[in-house]
């Protein structure tokens, strides 16, 4: 039986609270399983390398819209940083997934390139002191040396695709870390322009659509 770790949002500040745990019953003989929702999202900008937009304070209902995009010749890129915290140890495997109800609600893509690359971010996210509080502030500039290997590639289903096919996109499995930071970017392998957006929903009852890490599956 799944337990979902849901991040609590502190409105009116840029602070992120520790994930709150929704209790459930799990057999003592079995490995516990569940999902961890992202605790933070930031947009970063190729054309403004020191700019960082923290998106979660704008999401009072536990949801917010995100985008990844690039112009022709892989210019003017907009990437997304996602942070998963309080991941339980010893509950592997750990799988990065995207869940959705149907293709029409999964997301929106345009242009000639809707393929998304997922990169590991090595180490903790860079921080700054803002109004006396130390907060993560990832930017294009300070993540250049922290962006690691490509760990997965995927695309969200288009609205004209078969609505009966799988409603779970498996991106890849990762080794355990208590915090996992990821970078999402339109693939620049063909240098074509593209734009993809979706609404992340961390509501405890209606978890789709959105990214998550499943553990103990």
N, C-alpha and C. Protein backbone atom coordinates (compact mmCIF):
# COMPACT_ATOMS: atom_id res chain seq x y z
N UNK A 1 0.85 -1.20 0.00
CA UNK A 1 0.00 0.00 0.00
C UNK A 1 0.88 1.24 0.00
N UNK A 2 0.58 2.19 -0.89
CA UNK A 2 1.44 3.35 -1.05
C UNK A 2 1.23 4.37 0.06
N UNK A 3 2.34 4.94 0.53
CA UNK A 3 2.31 6.14 1.35
C UNK A 3 2.92 7.24 0.51
N UNK A 4 2.38 8.45 0.55
CA UNK A 4 2.94 9.55 -0.23
C UNK A 4 3.50 10.57 0.73
N UNK A 5 4.74 10.98 0.50
CA UNK A 5 5.36 12.02 1.29
C UNK A 5 5.08 13.32 0.59
N UNK A 6 4.32 14.16 1.24
CA UNK A 6 3.87 15.39 0.62
C UNK A 6 4.58 16.59 1.21
N UNK A 7 5.26 17.43 0.37
CA UNK A 7 5.93 18.60 0.91
C UNK A 7 4.93 19.64 1.37
N UNK A 8 5.20 20.22 2.55
CA UNK A 8 4.34 21.30 3.02
C UNK A 8 4.89 22.62 2.52
N UNK A 9 4.02 23.54 2.13
CA UNK A 9 4.44 24.82 1.60
C UNK A 9 4.21 25.90 2.65
N UNK A 10 5.18 26.77 2.83
CA UNK A 10 5.02 27.91 3.72
C UNK A 10 4.73 29.12 2.86
N UNK A 11 3.51 29.55 2.81
CA UNK A 11 3.13 30.65 1.94
C UNK A 11 3.61 31.97 2.54
N UNK A 12 3.90 32.91 1.63
CA UNK A 12 4.35 34.21 2.06
C UNK A 12 5.84 34.30 2.26
N UNK A 13 6.54 33.18 2.21
CA UNK A 13 7.99 33.17 2.28
C UNK A 13 8.49 32.23 1.21
N UNK A 14 9.81 32.26 1.01
CA UNK A 14 10.39 31.34 0.03
C UNK A 14 10.86 30.07 0.68
N UNK A 15 10.51 29.89 1.96
CA UNK A 15 10.98 28.71 2.68
C UNK A 15 10.19 27.50 2.29
N UNK A 16 10.85 26.34 2.33
CA UNK A 16 10.20 25.06 2.09
C UNK A 16 10.28 24.24 3.36
N UNK A 17 9.16 23.74 3.83
CA UNK A 17 9.15 22.94 5.04
C UNK A 17 9.56 21.52 4.73
N UNK A 18 9.93 20.79 5.79
CA UNK A 18 10.23 19.38 5.61
C UNK A 18 8.99 18.65 5.16
N UNK A 19 9.20 17.56 4.40
CA UNK A 19 8.07 16.79 3.91
C UNK A 19 7.27 16.23 5.07
N UNK A 20 5.95 16.31 4.96
CA UNK A 20 5.08 15.74 5.96
C UNK A 20 4.69 14.34 5.55
N UNK A 21 4.61 13.44 6.49
CA UNK A 21 4.37 12.05 6.18
C UNK A 21 2.91 11.71 6.44
N UNK A 22 2.27 11.14 5.43
CA UNK A 22 0.91 10.68 5.58
C UNK A 22 0.98 9.22 5.99
N UNK A 23 0.53 8.87 7.21
CA UNK A 23 0.71 7.50 7.69
C UNK A 23 -0.16 6.51 6.92
N UNK A 24 0.33 5.26 6.80
CA UNK A 24 -0.45 4.19 6.23
C UNK A 24 0.03 2.89 6.84
N UNK A 25 -0.70 1.83 6.62
CA UNK A 25 -0.35 0.53 7.17
C UNK A 25 0.47 -0.25 6.16
N UNK A 26 1.58 -0.81 6.60
CA UNK A 26 2.46 -1.59 5.73
C UNK A 26 2.77 -2.90 6.42
N UNK A 27 2.74 -4.00 5.67
CA UNK A 27 3.06 -5.30 6.24
C UNK A 27 4.49 -5.32 6.74
N UNK A 28 4.70 -5.87 7.93
CA UNK A 28 6.04 -5.93 8.49
C UNK A 28 6.93 -6.86 7.70
N UNK A 29 6.35 -7.82 6.98
CA UNK A 29 7.14 -8.76 6.21
C UNK A 29 7.59 -8.18 4.87
N UNK A 30 6.96 -7.10 4.43
CA UNK A 30 7.25 -6.56 3.10
C UNK A 30 8.01 -5.25 3.22
N UNK A 31 8.77 -4.91 2.17
CA UNK A 31 9.44 -3.62 2.10
C UNK A 31 8.40 -2.54 1.87
N UNK A 32 8.46 -1.47 2.64
CA UNK A 32 7.51 -0.38 2.46
C UNK A 32 7.68 0.23 1.08
N UNK A 33 6.59 0.68 0.50
CA UNK A 33 6.64 1.30 -0.81
C UNK A 33 5.86 2.60 -0.78
N UNK A 34 6.16 3.49 -1.71
CA UNK A 34 5.47 4.75 -1.76
C UNK A 34 6.08 5.67 -2.79
N UNK A 35 5.71 6.93 -2.72
CA UNK A 35 6.22 7.93 -3.65
C UNK A 35 6.66 9.17 -2.89
N UNK A 36 7.70 9.80 -3.39
CA UNK A 36 8.16 11.08 -2.86
C UNK A 36 7.88 12.14 -3.91
N UNK A 37 7.13 13.15 -3.53
CA UNK A 37 6.86 14.27 -4.42
C UNK A 37 8.01 15.27 -4.34
N UNK A 38 8.26 16.03 -5.39
CA UNK A 38 9.31 17.06 -5.32
C UNK A 38 9.00 18.08 -4.23
N UNK A 39 10.03 18.52 -3.54
CA UNK A 39 9.87 19.54 -2.51
C UNK A 39 10.23 20.93 -3.02
N UNK A 40 10.81 21.01 -4.21
CA UNK A 40 11.16 22.30 -4.77
C UNK A 40 11.35 22.24 -6.27
N UNK A 41 10.96 23.33 -6.95
CA UNK A 41 11.15 23.48 -8.39
C UNK A 41 11.67 24.89 -8.68
N UNK A 42 12.62 24.98 -9.59
CA UNK A 42 13.16 26.27 -10.01
C UNK A 42 13.32 26.29 -11.52
N UNK A 43 13.00 27.41 -12.14
CA UNK A 43 13.32 27.63 -13.55
C UNK A 43 14.66 28.37 -13.62
N UNK A 44 15.52 27.95 -14.57
CA UNK A 44 16.80 28.63 -14.79
C UNK A 44 16.91 28.98 -16.27
N UNK A 45 17.73 30.00 -16.59
CA UNK A 45 17.65 30.64 -17.90
C UNK A 45 19.04 30.77 -18.53
N UNK A 46 19.16 30.29 -19.75
CA UNK A 46 20.43 30.39 -20.47
C UNK A 46 20.78 31.85 -20.77
N UNK A 47 19.78 32.65 -21.08
CA UNK A 47 20.03 34.04 -21.47
C UNK A 47 20.19 34.97 -20.26
N UNK A 48 19.89 34.48 -19.09
CA UNK A 48 20.03 35.28 -17.86
C UNK A 48 20.61 34.34 -16.81
N UNK A 49 21.89 34.07 -16.89
CA UNK A 49 22.51 32.95 -16.19
C UNK A 49 22.51 33.06 -14.66
N UNK A 50 22.21 34.23 -14.13
CA UNK A 50 22.20 34.38 -12.68
C UNK A 50 20.78 34.53 -12.13
N UNK A 51 19.80 34.30 -12.99
CA UNK A 51 18.40 34.40 -12.58
C UNK A 51 17.88 33.03 -12.15
N UNK A 52 17.08 33.01 -11.09
CA UNK A 52 16.46 31.78 -10.61
C UNK A 52 15.04 32.10 -10.16
N UNK A 53 14.06 31.34 -10.65
CA UNK A 53 12.68 31.55 -10.26
C UNK A 53 12.20 30.34 -9.45
N UNK A 54 11.92 30.58 -8.16
CA UNK A 54 11.40 29.53 -7.28
C UNK A 54 9.89 29.46 -7.49
N UNK A 55 9.40 28.33 -8.01
CA UNK A 55 8.02 28.25 -8.45
C UNK A 55 7.05 27.80 -7.36
N UNK A 56 7.51 27.11 -6.34
CA UNK A 56 6.57 26.56 -5.37
C UNK A 56 5.84 27.60 -4.52
N UNK A 57 6.45 28.72 -4.15
CA UNK A 57 5.67 29.71 -3.39
C UNK A 57 4.47 30.24 -4.17
N UNK A 58 4.47 30.03 -5.51
CA UNK A 58 3.35 30.48 -6.32
C UNK A 58 2.27 29.42 -6.43
N UNK A 59 2.39 28.33 -5.66
CA UNK A 59 1.47 27.20 -5.80
C UNK A 59 0.73 26.93 -4.49
N UNK A 60 -0.27 27.76 -4.14
CA UNK A 60 -0.94 27.60 -2.85
C UNK A 60 -1.71 26.29 -2.72
N UNK A 61 -2.10 25.69 -3.81
CA UNK A 61 -2.87 24.45 -3.75
C UNK A 61 -2.03 23.21 -4.03
N UNK A 62 -0.71 23.35 -3.95
CA UNK A 62 0.16 22.20 -4.18
C UNK A 62 0.38 21.89 -5.64
N UNK A 63 0.09 22.84 -6.53
CA UNK A 63 0.34 22.60 -7.94
C UNK A 63 0.90 23.88 -8.57
N UNK A 64 1.67 23.69 -9.63
CA UNK A 64 2.25 24.83 -10.34
C UNK A 64 2.62 24.39 -11.74
N UNK A 65 2.65 25.32 -12.65
CA UNK A 65 2.98 25.01 -14.04
C UNK A 65 4.45 25.25 -14.31
N UNK A 66 5.08 24.29 -15.00
CA UNK A 66 6.50 24.38 -15.32
C UNK A 66 6.70 24.22 -16.81
N UNK A 67 7.86 24.65 -17.29
CA UNK A 67 8.15 24.52 -18.72
C UNK A 67 9.63 24.28 -18.93
N UNK A 68 9.93 23.59 -20.01
CA UNK A 68 11.29 23.50 -20.53
C UNK A 68 11.20 23.86 -22.00
N UNK A 69 12.18 24.60 -22.50
CA UNK A 69 12.09 25.05 -23.89
C UNK A 69 13.47 25.44 -24.41
N UNK A 70 13.54 25.56 -25.72
CA UNK A 70 14.73 26.13 -26.35
C UNK A 70 14.34 26.65 -27.72
N UNK A 71 15.10 27.67 -28.18
CA UNK A 71 14.90 28.20 -29.51
C UNK A 71 15.71 27.41 -30.52
N UNK A 72 15.66 27.86 -31.76
CA UNK A 72 16.41 27.20 -32.83
C UNK A 72 17.90 27.24 -32.51
N UNK A 73 18.61 26.19 -32.93
CA UNK A 73 20.05 26.06 -32.71
C UNK A 73 20.40 26.00 -31.22
N UNK A 74 19.47 25.45 -30.44
CA UNK A 74 19.67 25.24 -28.99
C UNK A 74 20.02 26.53 -28.27
N UNK A 75 19.37 27.62 -28.64
CA UNK A 75 19.59 28.90 -27.98
C UNK A 75 18.39 29.26 -27.11
N UNK A 76 18.61 30.24 -26.23
CA UNK A 76 17.54 30.75 -25.37
C UNK A 76 16.85 29.62 -24.61
N UNK A 77 17.63 28.79 -23.97
CA UNK A 77 17.09 27.62 -23.28
C UNK A 77 16.50 27.99 -21.91
N UNK A 78 15.41 27.28 -21.58
CA UNK A 78 14.77 27.38 -20.27
C UNK A 78 14.75 25.98 -19.68
N UNK A 79 15.45 25.78 -18.56
CA UNK A 79 15.52 24.46 -17.92
C UNK A 79 14.77 24.48 -16.59
N UNK A 80 14.54 23.28 -16.08
CA UNK A 80 13.83 23.10 -14.82
C UNK A 80 14.68 22.29 -13.86
N UNK A 81 14.77 22.73 -12.62
CA UNK A 81 15.45 21.99 -11.55
C UNK A 81 14.40 21.46 -10.58
N UNK A 82 14.48 20.18 -10.26
CA UNK A 82 13.56 19.57 -9.30
C UNK A 82 14.38 18.95 -8.17
N UNK A 83 13.93 19.13 -6.93
CA UNK A 83 14.61 18.57 -5.77
C UNK A 83 13.66 17.66 -5.00
N UNK A 84 14.12 16.44 -4.75
CA UNK A 84 13.37 15.46 -3.96
C UNK A 84 14.13 15.27 -2.64
N UNK A 85 13.47 15.51 -1.53
CA UNK A 85 14.13 15.41 -0.22
C UNK A 85 13.43 14.38 0.66
N UNK A 86 14.09 14.05 1.77
CA UNK A 86 13.53 13.10 2.75
C UNK A 86 13.18 11.76 2.11
N UNK A 87 14.04 11.28 1.23
CA UNK A 87 13.83 9.99 0.60
C UNK A 87 14.22 8.90 1.60
N UNK A 88 13.35 7.94 1.89
CA UNK A 88 13.66 6.92 2.90
C UNK A 88 14.76 5.98 2.43
N UNK A 89 15.66 5.63 3.33
CA UNK A 89 16.76 4.73 2.99
C UNK A 89 16.31 3.28 3.05
N UNK A 90 17.04 2.42 2.35
CA UNK A 90 16.80 0.99 2.41
C UNK A 90 15.47 0.55 1.84
N UNK A 91 14.90 1.36 0.95
CA UNK A 91 13.58 1.03 0.38
C UNK A 91 13.63 0.92 -1.13
N UNK A 92 14.80 0.60 -1.69
CA UNK A 92 14.94 0.54 -3.14
C UNK A 92 14.11 -0.56 -3.77
N UNK A 93 13.99 -0.56 -5.10
CA UNK A 93 14.62 0.39 -6.02
C UNK A 93 13.94 1.76 -6.00
N UNK A 94 14.68 2.76 -6.49
CA UNK A 94 14.18 4.13 -6.56
C UNK A 94 14.04 4.50 -8.04
N UNK A 95 12.82 4.78 -8.45
CA UNK A 95 12.52 5.00 -9.86
C UNK A 95 11.95 6.40 -10.08
N UNK A 96 12.54 7.13 -11.02
CA UNK A 96 12.02 8.44 -11.41
C UNK A 96 10.92 8.20 -12.44
N UNK A 97 9.74 8.75 -12.17
CA UNK A 97 8.59 8.50 -13.03
C UNK A 97 7.77 9.77 -13.23
N UNK A 98 6.99 9.75 -14.31
CA UNK A 98 6.00 10.80 -14.54
C UNK A 98 4.65 10.12 -14.65
N UNK A 99 3.69 10.55 -13.82
CA UNK A 99 2.35 9.97 -13.81
C UNK A 99 1.37 10.94 -14.48
N UNK A 100 0.36 10.38 -15.14
CA UNK A 100 -0.68 11.23 -15.71
C UNK A 100 -1.98 10.44 -15.83
N UNK A 101 -3.09 11.17 -15.90
CA UNK A 101 -4.40 10.56 -15.99
C UNK A 101 -4.73 10.18 -17.43
N UNK A 102 -4.49 11.09 -18.35
CA UNK A 102 -4.69 10.83 -19.77
C UNK A 102 -3.84 11.80 -20.57
N UNK A 103 -3.56 11.51 -21.84
CA UNK A 103 -2.67 12.38 -22.62
C UNK A 103 -3.11 13.83 -22.67
N UNK A 104 -4.42 14.07 -22.68
CA UNK A 104 -4.90 15.44 -22.79
C UNK A 104 -4.53 16.27 -21.57
N UNK A 105 -4.33 15.62 -20.42
CA UNK A 105 -3.99 16.34 -19.20
C UNK A 105 -2.51 16.24 -18.82
N UNK A 106 -1.76 15.44 -19.56
CA UNK A 106 -0.37 15.20 -19.16
C UNK A 106 0.50 16.43 -19.33
N UNK A 107 0.32 17.14 -20.42
CA UNK A 107 1.15 18.30 -20.67
C UNK A 107 0.90 18.85 -22.06
N UNK A 108 1.72 19.80 -22.46
CA UNK A 108 1.55 20.44 -23.76
C UNK A 108 2.91 20.61 -24.38
N UNK A 109 3.02 20.28 -25.65
CA UNK A 109 4.28 20.46 -26.37
C UNK A 109 4.05 21.14 -27.70
N UNK A 110 5.05 21.90 -28.15
CA UNK A 110 4.96 22.55 -29.45
C UNK A 110 6.36 22.62 -30.05
N UNK A 111 6.41 22.94 -31.33
CA UNK A 111 7.68 22.99 -32.04
C UNK A 111 8.08 21.62 -32.55
N UNK A 112 9.32 21.53 -33.01
CA UNK A 112 9.80 20.29 -33.62
C UNK A 112 10.51 19.37 -32.63
N UNK A 113 10.63 19.80 -31.39
CA UNK A 113 11.43 19.04 -30.43
C UNK A 113 10.72 19.01 -29.08
N UNK A 114 10.15 17.85 -28.73
CA UNK A 114 9.49 17.75 -27.42
C UNK A 114 10.13 16.67 -26.55
N UNK A 115 11.37 16.32 -26.85
CA UNK A 115 12.09 15.31 -26.08
C UNK A 115 12.81 16.00 -24.92
N UNK A 116 12.65 15.44 -23.71
CA UNK A 116 13.22 16.04 -22.50
C UNK A 116 14.36 15.16 -21.99
N UNK A 117 15.53 15.75 -21.80
CA UNK A 117 16.66 15.08 -21.18
C UNK A 117 16.63 15.34 -19.67
N UNK A 118 17.01 14.32 -18.90
CA UNK A 118 17.08 14.44 -17.45
C UNK A 118 18.52 14.20 -17.01
N UNK A 119 19.10 15.17 -16.32
CA UNK A 119 20.48 15.09 -15.87
C UNK A 119 20.53 15.04 -14.34
N UNK A 120 21.50 14.33 -13.83
CA UNK A 120 21.77 14.37 -12.39
C UNK A 120 22.43 15.69 -12.04
N UNK A 121 22.10 16.24 -10.88
CA UNK A 121 22.81 17.38 -10.32
C UNK A 121 23.62 16.84 -9.15
N UNK A 122 24.93 16.98 -9.25
CA UNK A 122 25.82 16.40 -8.25
C UNK A 122 25.99 17.33 -7.07
N UNK A 123 25.80 16.80 -5.88
CA UNK A 123 25.96 17.61 -4.68
C UNK A 123 24.73 18.45 -4.39
N UNK A 124 24.75 19.16 -3.25
CA UNK A 124 23.62 20.01 -2.87
C UNK A 124 23.46 21.20 -3.80
N UNK A 125 22.25 21.74 -3.88
CA UNK A 125 22.01 22.93 -4.68
C UNK A 125 22.70 24.14 -4.04
N UNK A 126 23.27 25.03 -4.85
CA UNK A 126 23.86 26.25 -4.30
C UNK A 126 22.82 27.07 -3.54
N UNK A 127 23.28 27.78 -2.51
CA UNK A 127 22.37 28.54 -1.66
C UNK A 127 22.77 30.00 -1.58
N UNK A 128 21.81 30.82 -1.13
CA UNK A 128 22.05 32.23 -0.83
C UNK A 128 21.27 32.57 0.43
N UNK A 129 21.75 33.58 1.16
CA UNK A 129 21.00 34.07 2.31
C UNK A 129 20.05 35.16 1.84
N UNK A 130 18.76 34.90 2.02
CA UNK A 130 17.72 35.83 1.59
C UNK A 130 16.88 36.19 2.81
N UNK A 131 16.87 37.47 3.16
CA UNK A 131 16.13 37.95 4.33
C UNK A 131 16.50 37.16 5.57
N UNK A 132 17.79 36.85 5.71
CA UNK A 132 18.29 36.16 6.89
C UNK A 132 18.14 34.65 6.87
N UNK A 133 17.60 34.09 5.79
CA UNK A 133 17.39 32.65 5.69
C UNK A 133 18.20 32.10 4.53
N UNK A 134 18.93 31.01 4.77
CA UNK A 134 19.70 30.37 3.70
C UNK A 134 18.78 29.47 2.90
N UNK A 135 18.68 29.74 1.60
CA UNK A 135 17.75 29.03 0.72
C UNK A 135 18.47 28.54 -0.54
N UNK A 136 18.00 27.43 -1.13
CA UNK A 136 18.56 26.99 -2.41
C UNK A 136 18.24 28.01 -3.49
N UNK A 137 19.25 28.38 -4.28
CA UNK A 137 19.05 29.30 -5.40
C UNK A 137 19.87 28.79 -6.58
N UNK A 138 19.41 27.75 -7.25
CA UNK A 138 20.13 27.27 -8.43
C UNK A 138 19.97 28.23 -9.60
N UNK A 139 21.04 28.44 -10.35
CA UNK A 139 21.01 29.26 -11.55
C UNK A 139 21.76 28.53 -12.66
N UNK A 140 21.62 29.05 -13.88
CA UNK A 140 22.36 28.46 -15.01
C UNK A 140 23.86 28.51 -14.74
N UNK A 141 24.31 29.62 -14.18
CA UNK A 141 25.75 29.80 -13.95
C UNK A 141 26.27 28.87 -12.86
N UNK A 142 25.59 28.81 -11.70
CA UNK A 142 26.17 28.03 -10.61
C UNK A 142 25.93 26.53 -10.73
N UNK A 143 25.14 26.11 -11.73
CA UNK A 143 24.95 24.68 -11.95
C UNK A 143 25.80 24.12 -13.08
N UNK A 144 26.55 24.99 -13.75
CA UNK A 144 27.34 24.51 -14.90
C UNK A 144 28.29 23.39 -14.49
N UNK A 145 28.94 23.53 -13.35
CA UNK A 145 29.90 22.52 -12.90
C UNK A 145 29.24 21.40 -12.10
N UNK A 146 27.96 21.57 -11.75
CA UNK A 146 27.27 20.57 -10.94
C UNK A 146 26.36 19.66 -11.77
N UNK A 147 26.16 20.01 -13.02
CA UNK A 147 25.31 19.17 -13.87
C UNK A 147 26.09 17.95 -14.30
N UNK A 148 25.58 16.78 -13.90
CA UNK A 148 26.29 15.53 -14.14
C UNK A 148 25.82 14.80 -15.37
N UNK A 149 25.77 13.48 -15.27
CA UNK A 149 25.50 12.63 -16.44
C UNK A 149 24.02 12.62 -16.80
N UNK A 150 23.75 12.30 -18.05
CA UNK A 150 22.39 12.10 -18.54
C UNK A 150 21.87 10.80 -17.95
N UNK A 151 20.73 10.86 -17.25
CA UNK A 151 20.21 9.64 -16.64
C UNK A 151 18.90 9.17 -17.26
N UNK A 152 18.33 9.95 -18.16
CA UNK A 152 17.10 9.51 -18.80
C UNK A 152 16.61 10.50 -19.84
N UNK A 153 15.76 10.02 -20.75
CA UNK A 153 15.15 10.84 -21.79
C UNK A 153 13.70 10.39 -21.95
N UNK A 154 12.79 11.33 -22.08
CA UNK A 154 11.37 10.97 -22.24
C UNK A 154 10.63 12.08 -22.96
N UNK A 155 9.40 11.79 -23.38
CA UNK A 155 8.53 12.85 -23.87
C UNK A 155 7.13 12.60 -23.34
N UNK A 156 6.40 13.67 -23.06
CA UNK A 156 5.04 13.54 -22.59
C UNK A 156 4.13 13.16 -23.75
N UNK A 157 3.09 12.38 -23.49
CA UNK A 157 2.21 11.95 -24.58
C UNK A 157 1.47 13.13 -25.18
N UNK A 158 1.31 13.10 -26.50
CA UNK A 158 0.53 14.13 -27.17
C UNK A 158 -0.96 13.81 -27.04
N UNK A 159 -1.79 14.82 -27.21
CA UNK A 159 -3.23 14.62 -27.04
C UNK A 159 -3.82 13.72 -28.11
N UNK A 160 -3.12 13.54 -29.25
CA UNK A 160 -3.65 12.68 -30.30
C UNK A 160 -3.16 11.24 -30.18
N UNK A 161 -2.40 10.93 -29.11
CA UNK A 161 -1.94 9.57 -28.91
C UNK A 161 -3.02 8.75 -28.22
N UNK A 162 -2.91 7.44 -28.32
CA UNK A 162 -3.89 6.52 -27.76
C UNK A 162 -4.07 6.76 -26.25
N UNK A 163 -5.26 7.16 -25.81
CA UNK A 163 -5.45 7.44 -24.38
C UNK A 163 -5.47 6.19 -23.50
N UNK A 164 -5.41 5.02 -24.11
CA UNK A 164 -5.46 3.80 -23.31
C UNK A 164 -4.08 3.25 -22.99
N UNK A 165 -3.02 3.87 -23.52
CA UNK A 165 -1.71 3.32 -23.25
C UNK A 165 -1.23 3.72 -21.86
N UNK A 166 -0.08 3.23 -21.47
CA UNK A 166 0.40 3.37 -20.09
C UNK A 166 0.32 4.80 -19.59
N UNK A 167 -0.13 4.94 -18.35
CA UNK A 167 -0.23 6.25 -17.74
C UNK A 167 0.92 6.50 -16.76
N UNK A 168 1.99 5.76 -16.91
CA UNK A 168 3.20 5.96 -16.12
C UNK A 168 4.40 5.94 -17.06
N UNK A 169 5.17 7.02 -17.05
CA UNK A 169 6.38 7.08 -17.86
C UNK A 169 7.56 6.79 -16.94
N UNK A 170 8.24 5.69 -17.21
CA UNK A 170 9.44 5.33 -16.44
C UNK A 170 10.62 6.04 -17.06
N UNK A 171 11.33 6.84 -16.26
CA UNK A 171 12.48 7.59 -16.78
C UNK A 171 13.77 6.84 -16.51
N UNK A 172 14.01 6.45 -15.27
CA UNK A 172 15.18 5.62 -14.96
C UNK A 172 15.19 5.33 -13.46
N UNK A 173 16.01 4.35 -13.09
CA UNK A 173 16.26 4.06 -11.68
C UNK A 173 17.54 4.76 -11.25
N UNK A 174 17.61 5.16 -9.98
CA UNK A 174 18.77 5.87 -9.46
C UNK A 174 19.20 5.24 -8.14
N UNK A 175 20.45 5.44 -7.80
CA UNK A 175 20.97 4.96 -6.52
C UNK A 175 20.41 5.82 -5.39
N UNK A 176 20.33 5.24 -4.20
CA UNK A 176 19.77 5.96 -3.06
C UNK A 176 20.61 7.17 -2.68
N UNK A 177 19.94 8.28 -2.46
CA UNK A 177 20.47 9.46 -1.78
C UNK A 177 19.31 10.06 -1.00
N UNK A 178 19.59 10.65 0.14
CA UNK A 178 18.49 11.24 0.91
C UNK A 178 17.87 12.42 0.17
N UNK A 179 18.68 13.10 -0.64
CA UNK A 179 18.19 14.18 -1.50
C UNK A 179 18.66 13.92 -2.93
N UNK A 180 17.75 14.00 -3.87
CA UNK A 180 18.09 13.81 -5.28
C UNK A 180 17.66 15.05 -6.04
N UNK A 181 18.62 15.70 -6.70
CA UNK A 181 18.34 16.89 -7.50
C UNK A 181 18.50 16.55 -8.97
N UNK A 182 17.55 17.00 -9.78
CA UNK A 182 17.53 16.67 -11.20
C UNK A 182 17.38 17.94 -12.03
N UNK A 183 17.92 17.88 -13.25
CA UNK A 183 17.79 18.98 -14.20
C UNK A 183 17.10 18.49 -15.46
N UNK A 184 16.04 19.18 -15.87
CA UNK A 184 15.26 18.81 -17.04
C UNK A 184 15.49 19.85 -18.14
N UNK A 185 15.74 19.36 -19.34
CA UNK A 185 16.09 20.25 -20.45
C UNK A 185 15.59 19.67 -21.76
N UNK A 186 15.11 20.54 -22.67
CA UNK A 186 14.82 20.07 -24.02
C UNK A 186 16.13 19.57 -24.62
N UNK A 187 16.09 18.37 -25.21
CA UNK A 187 17.32 17.82 -25.76
C UNK A 187 17.86 18.72 -26.86
N UNK A 188 19.17 18.97 -26.84
CA UNK A 188 19.78 19.79 -27.89
C UNK A 188 20.52 18.94 -28.91
N UNK A 189 20.22 17.63 -28.93
CA UNK A 189 20.93 16.74 -29.86
C UNK A 189 20.63 17.06 -31.32
N UNK A 190 19.44 17.62 -31.59
CA UNK A 190 19.14 17.99 -32.98
C UNK A 190 19.01 19.50 -33.17
N UNK A 191 19.19 20.27 -32.08
CA UNK A 191 19.23 21.74 -32.11
C UNK A 191 17.93 22.38 -32.58
N UNK A 192 16.83 21.61 -32.64
CA UNK A 192 15.57 22.18 -33.09
C UNK A 192 14.82 22.82 -31.91
N UNK A 193 14.00 23.80 -32.25
CA UNK A 193 13.24 24.50 -31.22
C UNK A 193 12.13 23.62 -30.67
N UNK A 194 11.82 23.81 -29.40
CA UNK A 194 10.73 23.06 -28.80
C UNK A 194 10.32 23.65 -27.47
N UNK A 195 9.10 23.32 -27.07
CA UNK A 195 8.53 23.85 -25.82
C UNK A 195 7.62 22.79 -25.23
N UNK A 196 7.81 22.48 -23.94
CA UNK A 196 6.95 21.52 -23.24
C UNK A 196 6.59 22.11 -21.88
N UNK A 197 5.32 22.00 -21.52
CA UNK A 197 4.92 22.46 -20.19
C UNK A 197 3.96 21.44 -19.57
N UNK A 198 3.90 21.43 -18.25
CA UNK A 198 2.92 20.60 -17.54
C UNK A 198 2.64 21.23 -16.19
N UNK A 199 1.57 20.78 -15.56
CA UNK A 199 1.21 21.24 -14.23
C UNK A 199 1.48 20.13 -13.24
N UNK A 200 2.41 20.37 -12.33
CA UNK A 200 2.73 19.40 -11.29
C UNK A 200 1.65 19.46 -10.22
N UNK A 201 1.09 18.31 -9.87
CA UNK A 201 0.04 18.25 -8.86
C UNK A 201 0.49 17.35 -7.73
N UNK A 202 0.74 17.94 -6.56
CA UNK A 202 1.17 17.17 -5.39
C UNK A 202 0.04 16.95 -4.40
N UNK A 203 -1.19 17.12 -4.84
CA UNK A 203 -2.32 16.89 -3.96
C UNK A 203 -2.34 15.43 -3.52
N UNK A 204 -2.59 15.18 -2.27
CA UNK A 204 -2.48 13.85 -1.71
C UNK A 204 -3.50 12.88 -2.30
N UNK A 205 -4.65 13.39 -2.74
CA UNK A 205 -5.69 12.52 -3.28
C UNK A 205 -5.63 12.39 -4.80
N UNK A 206 -5.13 13.41 -5.47
CA UNK A 206 -5.09 13.40 -6.93
C UNK A 206 -3.68 13.76 -7.36
N UNK A 207 -2.82 12.74 -7.42
CA UNK A 207 -1.39 12.98 -7.57
C UNK A 207 -0.96 13.22 -9.01
N UNK A 208 -1.82 12.95 -9.98
CA UNK A 208 -1.42 13.14 -11.35
C UNK A 208 -1.98 14.48 -11.88
N UNK A 209 -1.27 15.10 -12.84
CA UNK A 209 0.00 14.64 -13.40
C UNK A 209 1.18 15.14 -12.58
N UNK A 210 2.31 14.51 -12.79
CA UNK A 210 3.49 15.02 -12.13
C UNK A 210 4.64 14.04 -12.00
N UNK A 211 5.79 14.60 -11.66
CA UNK A 211 7.00 13.82 -11.42
C UNK A 211 6.98 13.28 -10.00
N UNK A 212 7.58 12.11 -9.84
CA UNK A 212 7.73 11.55 -8.50
C UNK A 212 8.86 10.54 -8.53
N UNK A 213 9.33 10.16 -7.34
CA UNK A 213 10.25 9.05 -7.21
C UNK A 213 9.51 7.94 -6.45
N UNK A 214 9.35 6.80 -7.11
CA UNK A 214 8.73 5.65 -6.48
C UNK A 214 9.81 4.81 -5.81
N UNK A 215 9.55 4.37 -4.60
CA UNK A 215 10.52 3.52 -3.90
C UNK A 215 9.85 2.24 -3.44
N UNK A 216 10.66 1.20 -3.31
CA UNK A 216 10.18 -0.07 -2.79
C UNK A 216 9.20 -0.78 -3.68
N UNK A 217 9.18 -0.46 -4.98
CA UNK A 217 8.22 -1.09 -5.88
C UNK A 217 8.50 -2.56 -6.07
